[in-house]
Amino acid sequence: MPVGATVVWTHKGQKPHTVTADDGAFSSGKLDAGGAFEQTFDKPGTFPYFCEFHGGKGGEGMAATIIVAAQSAACPGGGGARASPCASARRRAAPRWRSATTPSRLRS
């Protein structure tokens, strides 16, 4: 996903969850059913996160990683074309963590 994108996690399950960065850079706090959490990624990098109730740092249990590419690498030419892969990446996330707190949308 490109720098500047915002990921939104929406809790659609029953048990509480969190979205907590391994390095503590962001945390949703406890998310109950219907809760949501947004995080904007303003720099390129790899951002591992986990659920404090069901996972742990380093990819233990319920955990995943957000990968943010530098704008030039993520969207050659600025990604202005409507049908470009970058335009579609801005509209939706492709999460690897399939759970009640999977990111539900991506916007930039």
PDB file of N, CA and C in Angstrom:
ATOM      1  N   MET A   1       0.846  -1.161   0.000  1.00  0.00           N
ATOM      2  CA  MET A   1       0.000   0.000   0.000  1.00  0.00           C
ATOM      3  C   MET A   1       0.894   1.226   0.000  1.00  0.00           C
ATOM      4  N   PRO A   2       0.401   2.340  -0.523  1.00  0.00           N
ATOM      5  CA  PRO A   2       1.236   3.541  -0.622  1.00  0.00           C
ATOM      6  C   PRO A   2       1.319   4.325   0.688  1.00  0.00           C
ATOM      7  N   VAL A   3       2.386   5.104   0.824  1.00  0.00           N
ATOM      8  CA  VAL A   3       2.542   6.013   1.954  1.00  0.00           C
ATOM      9  C   VAL A   3       1.346   6.952   1.991  1.00  0.00           C
ATOM     10  N   GLY A   4       0.837   7.220   3.174  1.00  0.00           N
ATOM     11  CA  GLY A   4      -0.287   8.120   3.346  1.00  0.00           C
ATOM     12  C   GLY A   4      -1.632   7.425   3.388  1.00  0.00           C
ATOM     13  N   ALA A   5      -1.649   6.109   3.139  1.00  0.00           N
ATOM     14  CA  ALA A   5      -2.903   5.364   3.164  1.00  0.00           C
ATOM     15  C   ALA A   5      -3.374   5.164   4.604  1.00  0.00           C
ATOM     16  N   THR A   6      -4.676   5.081   4.772  1.00  0.00           N
ATOM     17  CA  THR A   6      -5.283   4.815   6.068  1.00  0.00           C
ATOM     18  C   THR A   6      -5.950   3.456   6.022  1.00  0.00           C
ATOM     19  N   VAL A   7      -5.645   2.604   6.987  1.00  0.00           N
ATOM     20  CA  VAL A   7      -6.293   1.301   7.108  1.00  0.00           C
ATOM     21  C   VAL A   7      -7.339   1.403   8.207  1.00  0.00           C
ATOM     22  N   VAL A   8      -8.516   0.837   7.961  1.00  0.00           N
ATOM     23  CA  VAL A   8      -9.596   0.832   8.939  1.00  0.00           C
ATOM     24  C   VAL A   8      -9.919  -0.619   9.284  1.00  0.00           C
ATOM     25  N   TRP A   9      -9.804  -0.971  10.560  1.00  0.00           N
ATOM     26  CA  TRP A   9     -10.201  -2.281  11.048  1.00  0.00           C
ATOM     27  C   TRP A   9     -11.591  -2.127  11.649  1.00  0.00           C
ATOM     28  N   THR A  10     -12.523  -2.983  11.269  1.00  0.00           N
ATOM     29  CA  THR A  10     -13.877  -2.960  11.814  1.00  0.00           C
ATOM     30  C   THR A  10     -14.164  -4.300  12.462  1.00  0.00           C
ATOM     31  N   HIS A  11     -14.552  -4.272  13.718  1.00  0.00           N
ATOM     32  CA  HIS A  11     -14.798  -5.500  14.473  1.00  0.00           C
ATOM     33  C   HIS A  11     -16.219  -5.981  14.205  1.00  0.00           C
ATOM     34  N   LYS A  12     -16.328  -7.163  13.594  1.00  0.00           N
ATOM     35  CA  LYS A  12     -17.638  -7.727  13.257  1.00  0.00           C
ATOM     36  C   LYS A  12     -17.939  -8.994  14.045  1.00  0.00           C
ATOM     37  N   GLY A  13     -17.071  -9.336  14.985  1.00  0.00           N
ATOM     38  CA  GLY A  13     -17.262 -10.551  15.768  1.00  0.00           C
ATOM     39  C   GLY A  13     -17.884 -10.272  17.122  1.00  0.00           C
ATOM     40  N   GLN A  14     -17.750 -11.230  18.025  1.00  0.00           N
ATOM     41  CA  GLN A  14     -18.345 -11.118  19.357  1.00  0.00           C
ATOM     42  C   GLN A  14     -17.319 -10.855  20.454  1.00  0.00           C
ATOM     43  N   LYS A  15     -16.176 -11.546  20.382  1.00  0.00           N
ATOM     44  CA  LYS A  15     -15.155 -11.411  21.427  1.00  0.00           C
ATOM     45  C   LYS A  15     -14.339 -10.143  21.193  1.00  0.00           C
ATOM     46  N   PRO A  16     -13.855  -9.507  22.269  1.00  0.00           N
ATOM     47  CA  PRO A  16     -13.051  -8.289  22.103  1.00  0.00           C
ATOM     48  C   PRO A  16     -11.702  -8.593  21.448  1.00  0.00           C
ATOM     49  N   HIS A  17     -11.185  -7.602  20.741  1.00  0.00           N
ATOM     50  CA  HIS A  17      -9.879  -7.686  20.084  1.00  0.00           C
ATOM     51  C   HIS A  17      -9.167  -6.350  20.230  1.00  0.00           C
ATOM     52  N   THR A  18      -7.891  -6.341  19.875  1.00  0.00           N
ATOM     53  CA  THR A  18      -7.134  -5.100  19.753  1.00  0.00           C
ATOM     54  C   THR A  18      -6.354  -5.147  18.453  1.00  0.00           C
ATOM     55  N   VAL A  19      -5.880  -3.989  18.041  1.00  0.00           N
ATOM     56  CA  VAL A  19      -4.922  -3.853  16.943  1.00  0.00           C
ATOM     57  C   VAL A  19      -3.758  -3.106  17.571  1.00  0.00           C
ATOM     58  N   THR A  20      -2.675  -3.823  17.854  1.00  0.00           N
ATOM     59  CA  THR A  20      -1.557  -3.262  18.614  1.00  0.00           C
ATOM     60  C   THR A  20      -0.246  -3.486  17.861  1.00  0.00           C
ATOM     61  N   ALA A  21       0.462  -2.406  17.552  1.00  0.00           N
ATOM     62  CA  ALA A  21       1.751  -2.512  16.856  1.00  0.00           C
ATOM     63  C   ALA A  21       2.765  -3.202  17.747  1.00  0.00           C
ATOM     64  N   ASP A  22       3.590  -4.061  17.151  1.00  0.00           N
ATOM     65  CA  ASP A  22       4.644  -4.737  17.909  1.00  0.00           C
ATOM     66  C   ASP A  22       5.533  -3.744  18.644  1.00  0.00           C
ATOM     67  N   ASP A  23       5.816  -2.588  18.013  1.00  0.00           N
ATOM     68  CA  ASP A  23       6.714  -1.607  18.629  1.00  0.00           C
ATOM     69  C   ASP A  23       5.967  -0.554  19.454  1.00  0.00           C
ATOM     70  N   GLY A  24       4.650  -0.711  19.600  1.00  0.00           N
ATOM     71  CA  GLY A  24       3.865   0.226  20.394  1.00  0.00           C
ATOM     72  C   GLY A  24       3.504   1.521  19.679  1.00  0.00           C
ATOM     73  N   ALA A  25       3.801   1.630  18.383  1.00  0.00           N
ATOM     74  CA  ALA A  25       3.546   2.863  17.639  1.00  0.00           C
ATOM     75  C   ALA A  25       2.062   3.196  17.519  1.00  0.00           C
ATOM     76  N   PHE A  26       1.197   2.198  17.549  1.00  0.00           N
ATOM     77  CA  PHE A  26      -0.245   2.424  17.531  1.00  0.00           C
ATOM     78  C   PHE A  26      -0.952   1.321  18.290  1.00  0.00           C
ATOM     79  N   SER A  27      -2.128   1.663  18.808  1.00  0.00           N
ATOM     80  CA  SER A  27      -2.945   0.694  19.522  1.00  0.00           C
ATOM     81  C   SER A  27      -4.397   1.153  19.500  1.00  0.00           C
ATOM     82  N   SER A  28      -5.278   0.226  19.216  1.00  0.00           N
ATOM     83  CA  SER A  28      -6.702   0.532  19.173  1.00  0.00           C
ATOM     84  C   SER A  28      -7.329   0.578  20.555  1.00  0.00           C
ATOM     85  N   GLY A  29      -6.676  -0.026  21.547  1.00  0.00           N
ATOM     86  CA  GLY A  29      -7.368  -0.285  22.793  1.00  0.00           C
ATOM     87  C   GLY A  29      -8.361  -1.409  22.533  1.00  0.00           C
ATOM     88  N   LYS A  30      -9.170  -1.724  23.501  1.00  0.00           N
ATOM     89  CA  LYS A  30     -10.137  -2.817  23.373  1.00  0.00           C
ATOM     90  C   LYS A  30     -11.226  -2.450  22.373  1.00  0.00           C
ATOM     91  N   LEU A  31     -11.427  -3.321  21.372  1.00  0.00           N
ATOM     92  CA  LEU A  31     -12.498  -3.143  20.398  1.00  0.00           C
ATOM     93  C   LEU A  31     -13.587  -4.167  20.681  1.00  0.00           C
ATOM     94  N   ASP A  32     -14.768  -3.690  20.991  1.00  0.00           N
ATOM     95  CA  ASP A  32     -15.923  -4.571  21.157  1.00  0.00           C
ATOM     96  C   ASP A  32     -16.652  -4.671  19.827  1.00  0.00           C
ATOM     97  N   ALA A  33     -17.657  -5.540  19.753  1.00  0.00           N
ATOM     98  CA  ALA A  33     -18.438  -5.714  18.531  1.00  0.00           C
ATOM     99  C   ALA A  33     -18.917  -4.366  18.010  1.00  0.00           C
ATOM    100  N   GLY A  34     -18.710  -4.139  16.718  1.00  0.00           N
ATOM    101  CA  GLY A  34     -19.122  -2.882  16.092  1.00  0.00           C
ATOM    102  C   GLY A  34     -18.090  -1.780  16.171  1.00  0.00           C
ATOM    103  N   GLY A  35     -17.015  -1.981  16.948  1.00  0.00           N
ATOM    104  CA  GLY A  35     -15.973  -0.963  17.078  1.00  0.00           C
ATOM    105  C   GLY A  35     -15.109  -0.894  15.843  1.00  0.00           C
ATOM    106  N   ALA A  36     -14.417   0.222  15.682  1.00  0.00           N
ATOM    107  CA  ALA A  36     -13.518   0.405  14.541  1.00  0.00           C
ATOM    108  C   ALA A  36     -12.276   1.162  14.995  1.00  0.00           C
ATOM    109  N   PHE A  37     -11.203   0.976  14.237  1.00  0.00           N
ATOM    110  CA  PHE A  37      -9.943   1.656  14.513  1.00  0.00           C
ATOM    111  C   PHE A  37      -9.302   2.031  13.187  1.00  0.00           C
ATOM    112  N   GLU A  38      -8.775   3.248  13.085  1.00  0.00           N
ATOM    113  CA  GLU A  38      -8.101   3.731  11.883  1.00  0.00           C
ATOM    114  C   GLU A  38      -6.651   4.054  12.197  1.00  0.00           C
ATOM    115  N   GLN A  39      -5.780   3.745  11.236  1.00  0.00           N
ATOM    116  CA  GLN A  39      -4.365   4.103  11.383  1.00  0.00           C
ATOM    117  C   GLN A  39      -3.851   4.552  10.019  1.00  0.00           C
ATOM    118  N   THR A  40      -3.259   5.737   9.971  1.00  0.00           N
ATOM    119  CA  THR A  40      -2.647   6.247   8.753  1.00  0.00           C
ATOM    120  C   THR A  40      -1.159   5.945   8.802  1.00  0.00           C
ATOM    121  N   PHE A  41      -0.632   5.454   7.690  1.00  0.00           N
ATOM    122  CA  PHE A  41       0.783   5.089   7.595  1.00  0.00           C
ATOM    123  C   PHE A  41       1.498   6.132   6.749  1.00  0.00           C
ATOM    124  N   ASP A  42       2.237   7.038   7.427  1.00  0.00           N
ATOM    125  CA  ASP A  42       2.860   8.182   6.786  1.00  0.00           C
ATOM    126  C   ASP A  42       4.288   7.961   6.313  1.00  0.00           C
ATOM    127  N   LYS A  43       4.812   6.764   6.522  1.00  0.00           N
ATOM    128  CA  LYS A  43       6.173   6.483   6.072  1.00  0.00           C
ATOM    129  C   LYS A  43       6.249   5.038   5.583  1.00  0.00           C
ATOM    130  N   PRO A  44       7.186   4.757   4.671  1.00  0.00           N
ATOM    131  CA  PRO A  44       7.323   3.377   4.207  1.00  0.00           C
ATOM    132  C   PRO A  44       7.898   2.482   5.292  1.00  0.00           C
ATOM    133  N   GLY A  45       7.579   1.211   5.212  1.00  0.00           N
ATOM    134  CA  GLY A  45       8.130   0.255   6.164  1.00  0.00           C
ATOM    135  C   GLY A  45       7.226  -0.945   6.335  1.00  0.00           C
ATOM    136  N   THR A  46       7.632  -1.813   7.244  1.00  0.00           N
ATOM    137  CA  THR A  46       6.887  -3.017   7.588  1.00  0.00           C
ATOM    138  C   THR A  46       6.400  -2.838   9.020  1.00  0.00           C
ATOM    139  N   PHE A  47       5.091  -2.975   9.230  1.00  0.00           N
ATOM    140  CA  PHE A  47       4.478  -2.670  10.515  1.00  0.00           C
ATOM    141  C   PHE A  47       3.723  -3.889  11.049  1.00  0.00           C
ATOM    142  N   PRO A  48       4.410  -4.736  11.830  1.00  0.00           N
ATOM    143  CA  PRO A  48       3.733  -5.895  12.412  1.00  0.00           C
ATOM    144  C   PRO A  48       2.800  -5.468  13.550  1.00  0.00           C
ATOM    145  N   TYR A  49       1.671  -6.176  13.665  1.00  0.00           N
ATOM    146  CA  TYR A  49       0.719  -5.894  14.732  1.00  0.00           C
ATOM    147  C   TYR A  49       0.073  -7.193  15.199  1.00  0.00           C
ATOM    148  N   PHE A  50      -0.619  -7.121  16.347  1.00  0.00           N
ATOM    149  CA  PHE A  50      -1.225  -8.324  16.920  1.00  0.00           C
ATOM    150  C   PHE A  50      -2.425  -7.944  17.767  1.00  0.00           C
ATOM    151  N   CYS A  51      -3.213  -8.928  18.147  1.00  0.00           N
ATOM    152  CA  CYS A  51      -4.320  -8.759  19.091  1.00  0.00           C
ATOM    153  C   CYS A  51      -3.782  -9.103  20.477  1.00  0.00           C
ATOM    154  N   GLU A  52      -3.933  -8.197  21.423  1.00  0.00           N
ATOM    155  CA  GLU A  52      -3.423  -8.434  22.777  1.00  0.00           C
ATOM    156  C   GLU A  52      -4.126  -9.593  23.476  1.00  0.00           C
ATOM    157  N   PHE A  53      -5.352  -9.900  23.080  1.00  0.00           N
ATOM    158  CA  PHE A  53      -6.099 -10.993  23.702  1.00  0.00           C
ATOM    159  C   PHE A  53      -5.806 -12.355  23.068  1.00  0.00           C
ATOM    160  N   HIS A  54      -5.432 -12.356  21.798  1.00  0.00           N
ATOM    161  CA  HIS A  54      -5.334 -13.624  21.065  1.00  0.00           C
ATOM    162  C   HIS A  54      -4.028 -13.813  20.305  1.00  0.00           C
ATOM    163  N   GLY A  55      -3.051 -12.969  20.524  1.00  0.00           N
ATOM    164  CA  GLY A  55      -1.791 -13.078  19.803  1.00  0.00           C
ATOM    165  C   GLY A  55      -0.652 -12.489  20.605  1.00  0.00           C
ATOM    166  N   GLY A  56       0.448 -12.239  19.924  1.00  0.00           N
ATOM    167  CA  GLY A  56       1.616 -11.664  20.578  1.00  0.00           C
ATOM    168  C   GLY A  56       2.586 -11.097  19.571  1.00  0.00           C
ATOM    169  N   LYS A  57       3.537 -10.328  20.056  1.00  0.00           N
ATOM    170  CA  LYS A  57       4.582  -9.750  19.210  1.00  0.00           C
ATOM    171  C   LYS A  57       5.312 -10.836  18.449  1.00  0.00           C
ATOM    172  N   GLY A  58       5.807 -10.465  17.278  1.00  0.00           N
ATOM    173  CA  GLY A  58       6.604 -11.396  16.492  1.00  0.00           C
ATOM    174  C   GLY A  58       5.778 -12.399  15.704  1.00  0.00           C
ATOM    175  N   GLY A  59       4.492 -12.128  15.518  1.00  0.00           N
ATOM    176  CA  GLY A  59       3.665 -13.005  14.695  1.00  0.00           C
ATOM    177  C   GLY A  59       3.022 -14.160  15.427  1.00  0.00           C
ATOM    178  N   GLU A  60       2.962 -14.104  16.733  1.00  0.00           N
ATOM    179  CA  GLU A  60       2.361 -15.178  17.526  1.00  0.00           C
ATOM    180  C   GLU A  60       0.834 -15.091  17.483  1.00  0.00           C
ATOM    181  N   GLY A  61       0.169 -16.191  17.177  1.00  0.00           N
ATOM    182  CA  GLY A  61      -1.294 -16.251  17.192  1.00  0.00           C
ATOM    183  C   GLY A  61      -1.919 -15.276  16.220  1.00  0.00           C
ATOM    184  N   MET A  62      -2.875 -14.490  16.688  1.00  0.00           N
ATOM    185  CA  MET A  62      -3.580 -13.530  15.843  1.00  0.00           C
ATOM    186  C   MET A  62      -2.668 -12.321  15.643  1.00  0.00           C
ATOM    187  N   ALA A  63      -1.993 -12.308  14.518  1.00  0.00           N
ATOM    188  CA  ALA A  63      -1.017 -11.264  14.207  1.00  0.00           C
ATOM    189  C   ALA A  63      -0.922 -11.118  12.699  1.00  0.00           C
ATOM    190  N   ALA A  64      -0.458  -9.962  12.254  1.00  0.00           N
ATOM    191  CA  ALA A  64      -0.312  -9.708  10.822  1.00  0.00           C
ATOM    192  C   ALA A  64       0.681  -8.576  10.627  1.00  0.00           C
ATOM    193  N   THR A  65       0.895  -8.205   9.367  1.00  0.00           N
ATOM    194  CA  THR A  65       1.831  -7.146   9.038  1.00  0.00           C
ATOM    195  C   THR A  65       1.242  -6.261   7.945  1.00  0.00           C
ATOM    196  N   ILE A  66       1.397  -4.962   8.109  1.00  0.00           N
ATOM    197  CA  ILE A  66       1.050  -3.989   7.076  1.00  0.00           C
ATOM    198  C   ILE A  66       2.366  -3.602   6.401  1.00  0.00           C
ATOM    199  N   ILE A  67       2.392  -3.636   5.072  1.00  0.00           N
ATOM    200  CA  ILE A  67       3.587  -3.247   4.322  1.00  0.00           C
ATOM    201  C   ILE A  67       3.266  -1.981   3.540  1.00  0.00           C
ATOM    202  N   VAL A  68       4.055  -0.938   3.791  1.00  0.00           N
ATOM    203  CA  VAL A  68       3.870   0.353   3.141  1.00  0.00           C
ATOM    204  C   VAL A  68       5.094   0.619   2.270  1.00  0.00           C
ATOM    205  N   ALA A  69       4.848   0.824   0.978  1.00  0.00           N
ATOM    206  CA  ALA A  69       5.936   1.077   0.032  1.00  0.00           C
ATOM    207  C   ALA A  69       6.087   2.576  -0.190  1.00  0.00           C
ATOM    208  N   ALA A  70       7.314   2.996  -0.489  1.00  0.00           N
ATOM    209  CA  ALA A  70       7.553   4.387  -0.838  1.00  0.00           C
ATOM    210  C   ALA A  70       6.686   4.729  -2.044  1.00  0.00           C
ATOM    211  N   GLN A  71       6.209   5.945  -2.117  1.00  0.00           N
ATOM    212  CA  GLN A  71       5.286   6.342  -3.177  1.00  0.00           C
ATOM    213  C   GLN A  71       5.817   5.997  -4.563  1.00  0.00           C
ATOM    214  N   SER A  72       7.093   6.255  -4.837  1.00  0.00           N
ATOM    215  CA  SER A  72       7.634   5.972  -6.158  1.00  0.00           C
ATOM    216  C   SER A  72       7.622   4.481  -6.462  1.00  0.00           C
ATOM    217  N   ALA A  73       7.846   3.644  -5.439  1.00  0.00           N
ATOM    218  CA  ALA A  73       7.827   2.199  -5.650  1.00  0.00           C
ATOM    219  C   ALA A  73       6.399   1.673  -5.704  1.00  0.00           C
ATOM    220  N   ALA A  74       5.519   2.233  -4.877  1.00  0.00           N
ATOM    221  CA  ALA A  74       4.142   1.742  -4.805  1.00  0.00           C
ATOM    222  C   ALA A  74       3.317   2.198  -5.994  1.00  0.00           C
ATOM    223  N   CYS A  75       3.538   3.426  -6.454  1.00  0.00           N
ATOM    224  CA  CYS A  75       2.719   4.007  -7.514  1.00  0.00           C
ATOM    225  C   CYS A  75       3.592   4.746  -8.517  1.00  0.00           C
ATOM    226  N   PRO A  76       4.246   4.016  -9.418  1.00  0.00           N
ATOM    227  CA  PRO A  76       5.057   4.698 -10.426  1.00  0.00           C
ATOM    228  C   PRO A  76       4.211   5.732 -11.162  1.00  0.00           C
ATOM    229  N   GLY A  77       4.779   6.896 -11.370  1.00  0.00           N
ATOM    230  CA  GLY A  77       4.048   7.943 -12.067  1.00  0.00           C
ATOM    231  C   GLY A  77       3.006   8.626 -11.197  1.00  0.00           C
ATOM    232  N   GLY A  78       3.025   8.370  -9.903  1.00  0.00           N
ATOM    233  CA  GLY A  78       2.100   9.034  -9.008  1.00  0.00           C
ATOM    234  C   GLY A  78       0.769   8.336  -8.846  1.00  0.00           C
ATOM    235  N   GLY A  79       0.512   7.292  -9.625  1.00  0.00           N
ATOM    236  CA  GLY A  79      -0.723   6.536  -9.460  1.00  0.00           C
ATOM    237  C   GLY A  79      -1.970   7.293  -9.825  1.00  0.00           C
ATOM    238  N   GLY A  80      -1.844   8.278 -10.746  1.00  0.00           N
ATOM    239  CA  GLY A  80      -2.996   9.099 -11.080  1.00  0.00           C
ATOM    240  C   GLY A  80      -4.037   8.421 -11.943  1.00  0.00           C
ATOM    241  N   ALA A  81      -3.660   7.423 -12.698  1.00  0.00           N
ATOM    242  CA  ALA A  81      -4.621   6.774 -13.592  1.00  0.00           C
ATOM    243  C   ALA A  81      -5.712   6.070 -12.792  1.00  0.00           C
ATOM    244  N   ARG A  82      -6.940   6.254 -13.216  1.00  0.00           N
ATOM    245  CA  ARG A  82      -8.074   5.711 -12.475  1.00  0.00           C
ATOM    246  C   ARG A  82      -8.046   4.190 -12.386  1.00  0.00           C
ATOM    247  N   ALA A  83      -7.586   3.525 -13.426  1.00  0.00           N
ATOM    248  CA  ALA A  83      -7.595   2.061 -13.447  1.00  0.00           C
ATOM    249  C   ALA A  83      -6.268   1.450 -12.998  1.00  0.00           C
ATOM    250  N   SER A  84      -5.360   2.265 -12.489  1.00  0.00           N
ATOM    251  CA  SER A  84      -4.050   1.752 -12.102  1.00  0.00           C
ATOM    252  C   SER A  84      -4.145   0.865 -10.866  1.00  0.00           C
ATOM    253  N   PRO A  85      -3.166  -0.026 -10.667  1.00  0.00           N
ATOM    254  CA  PRO A  85      -3.150  -0.842  -9.446  1.00  0.00           C
ATOM    255  C   PRO A  85      -3.114   0.020  -8.185  1.00  0.00           C
ATOM    256  N   CYS A  86      -2.471   1.188  -8.254  1.00  0.00           N
ATOM    257  CA  CYS A  86      -2.396   2.055  -7.086  1.00  0.00           C
ATOM    258  C   CYS A  86      -3.757   2.628  -6.751  1.00  0.00           C
ATOM    259  N   ALA A  87      -4.547   2.985  -7.762  1.00  0.00           N
ATOM    260  CA  ALA A  87      -5.887   3.514  -7.510  1.00  0.00           C
ATOM    261  C   ALA A  87      -6.740   2.464  -6.821  1.00  0.00           C
ATOM    262  N   SER A  88      -6.646   1.214  -7.261  1.00  0.00           N
ATOM    263  CA  SER A  88      -7.456   0.177  -6.618  1.00  0.00           C
ATOM    264  C   SER A  88      -6.934  -0.140  -5.231  1.00  0.00           C
ATOM    265  N   ALA A  89      -5.615  -0.024  -5.012  1.00  0.00           N
ATOM    266  CA  ALA A  89      -5.055  -0.272  -3.677  1.00  0.00           C
ATOM    267  C   ALA A  89      -5.563   0.767  -2.689  1.00  0.00           C
ATOM    268  N   ARG A  90      -5.816   1.982  -3.156  1.00  0.00           N
ATOM    269  CA  ARG A  90      -6.317   3.021  -2.263  1.00  0.00           C
ATOM    270  C   ARG A  90      -7.753   2.751  -1.830  1.00  0.00           C
ATOM    271  N   ARG A  91      -8.490   1.984  -2.612  1.00  0.00           N
ATOM    272  CA  ARG A  91      -9.898   1.736  -2.304  1.00  0.00           C
ATOM    273  C   ARG A  91     -10.107   0.547  -1.382  1.00  0.00           C
ATOM    274  N   ARG A  92      -9.169  -0.397  -1.343  1.00  0.00           N
ATOM    275  CA  ARG A  92      -9.398  -1.577  -0.509  1.00  0.00           C
ATOM    276  C   ARG A  92      -8.067  -2.149  -0.037  1.00  0.00           C
ATOM    277  N   ALA A  93      -8.103  -2.822   1.071  1.00  0.00           N
ATOM    278  CA  ALA A  93      -6.921  -3.489   1.601  1.00  0.00           C
ATOM    279  C   ALA A  93      -6.921  -4.938   1.162  1.00  0.00           C
ATOM    280  N   ALA A  94      -5.770  -5.543   1.174  1.00  0.00           N
ATOM    281  CA  ALA A  94      -5.650  -6.971   0.900  1.00  0.00           C
ATOM    282  C   ALA A  94      -5.028  -7.609   2.134  1.00  0.00           C
ATOM    283  N   PRO A  95      -5.790  -7.706   3.214  1.00  0.00           N
ATOM    284  CA  PRO A  95      -5.226  -8.157   4.481  1.00  0.00           C
ATOM    285  C   PRO A  95      -4.861  -9.629   4.476  1.00  0.00           C
ATOM    286  N   ARG A  96      -3.884  -9.965   5.289  1.00  0.00           N
ATOM    287  CA  ARG A  96      -3.484 -11.356   5.448  1.00  0.00           C
ATOM    288  C   ARG A  96      -4.040 -11.928   6.751  1.00  0.00           C
ATOM    289  N   TRP A  97      -4.569 -11.066   7.601  1.00  0.00           N
ATOM    290  CA  TRP A  97      -5.111 -11.490   8.891  1.00  0.00           C
ATOM    291  C   TRP A  97      -6.614 -11.611   8.720  1.00  0.00           C
ATOM    292  N   ARG A  98      -7.089 -12.809   8.584  1.00  0.00           N
ATOM    293  CA  ARG A  98      -8.516 -13.040   8.359  1.00  0.00           C
ATOM    294  C   ARG A  98      -9.186 -13.291   9.700  1.00  0.00           C
ATOM    295  N   SER A  99      -9.727 -12.244  10.279  1.00  0.00           N
ATOM    296  CA  SER A  99     -10.345 -12.356  11.595  1.00  0.00           C
ATOM    297  C   SER A  99     -11.429 -11.312  11.738  1.00  0.00           C
ATOM    298  N   ALA A 100     -11.987 -11.239  12.913  1.00  0.00           N
ATOM    299  CA  ALA A 100     -13.034 -10.267  13.188  1.00  0.00           C
ATOM    300  C   ALA A 100     -12.514  -8.846  13.100  1.00  0.00           C
ATOM    301  N   THR A 101     -11.206  -8.646  13.154  1.00  0.00           N
ATOM    302  CA  THR A 101     -10.662  -7.292  13.084  1.00  0.00           C
ATOM    303  C   THR A 101      -9.818  -7.089  11.833  1.00  0.00           C
ATOM    304  N   THR A 102     -10.110  -7.830  10.790  1.00  0.00           N
ATOM    305  CA  THR A 102      -9.419  -7.645   9.516  1.00  0.00           C
ATOM    306  C   THR A 102      -9.674  -6.233   9.009  1.00  0.00           C
ATOM    307  N   PRO A 103      -8.650  -5.563   8.471  1.00  0.00           N
ATOM    308  CA  PRO A 103      -8.907  -4.240   7.926  1.00  0.00           C
ATOM    309  C   PRO A 103     -10.046  -4.301   6.914  1.00  0.00           C
ATOM    310  N   SER A 104     -11.016  -3.427   7.064  1.00  0.00           N
ATOM    311  CA  SER A 104     -12.197  -3.495   6.199  1.00  0.00           C
ATOM    312  C   SER A 104     -12.114  -2.545   5.014  1.00  0.00           C
ATOM    313  N   ARG A 105     -11.306  -1.514   5.114  1.00  0.00           N
ATOM    314  CA  ARG A 105     -11.157  -0.632   3.967  1.00  0.00           C
ATOM    315  C   ARG A 105      -9.855   0.141   4.090  1.00  0.00           C
ATOM    316  N   LEU A 106      -9.454   0.685   2.967  1.00  0.00           N
ATOM    317  CA  LEU A 106      -8.212   1.428   2.886  1.00  0.00           C
ATOM    318  C   LEU A 106      -8.514   2.720   2.153  1.00  0.00           C
ATOM    319  N   ARG A 107      -8.063   3.836   2.685  1.00  0.00           N
ATOM    320  CA  ARG A 107      -8.248   5.065   1.942  1.00  0.00           C
ATOM    321  C   ARG A 107      -7.001   5.928   2.080  1.00  0.00           C
ATOM    322  N   SER A 108      -6.813   6.764   1.094  1.00  0.00           N
ATOM    323  CA  SER A 108      -5.655   7.664   1.136  1.00  0.00           C
ATOM    324  C   SER A 108      -6.071   9.057   0.769  1.00  0.00           C
TER     325      SER A 108
END
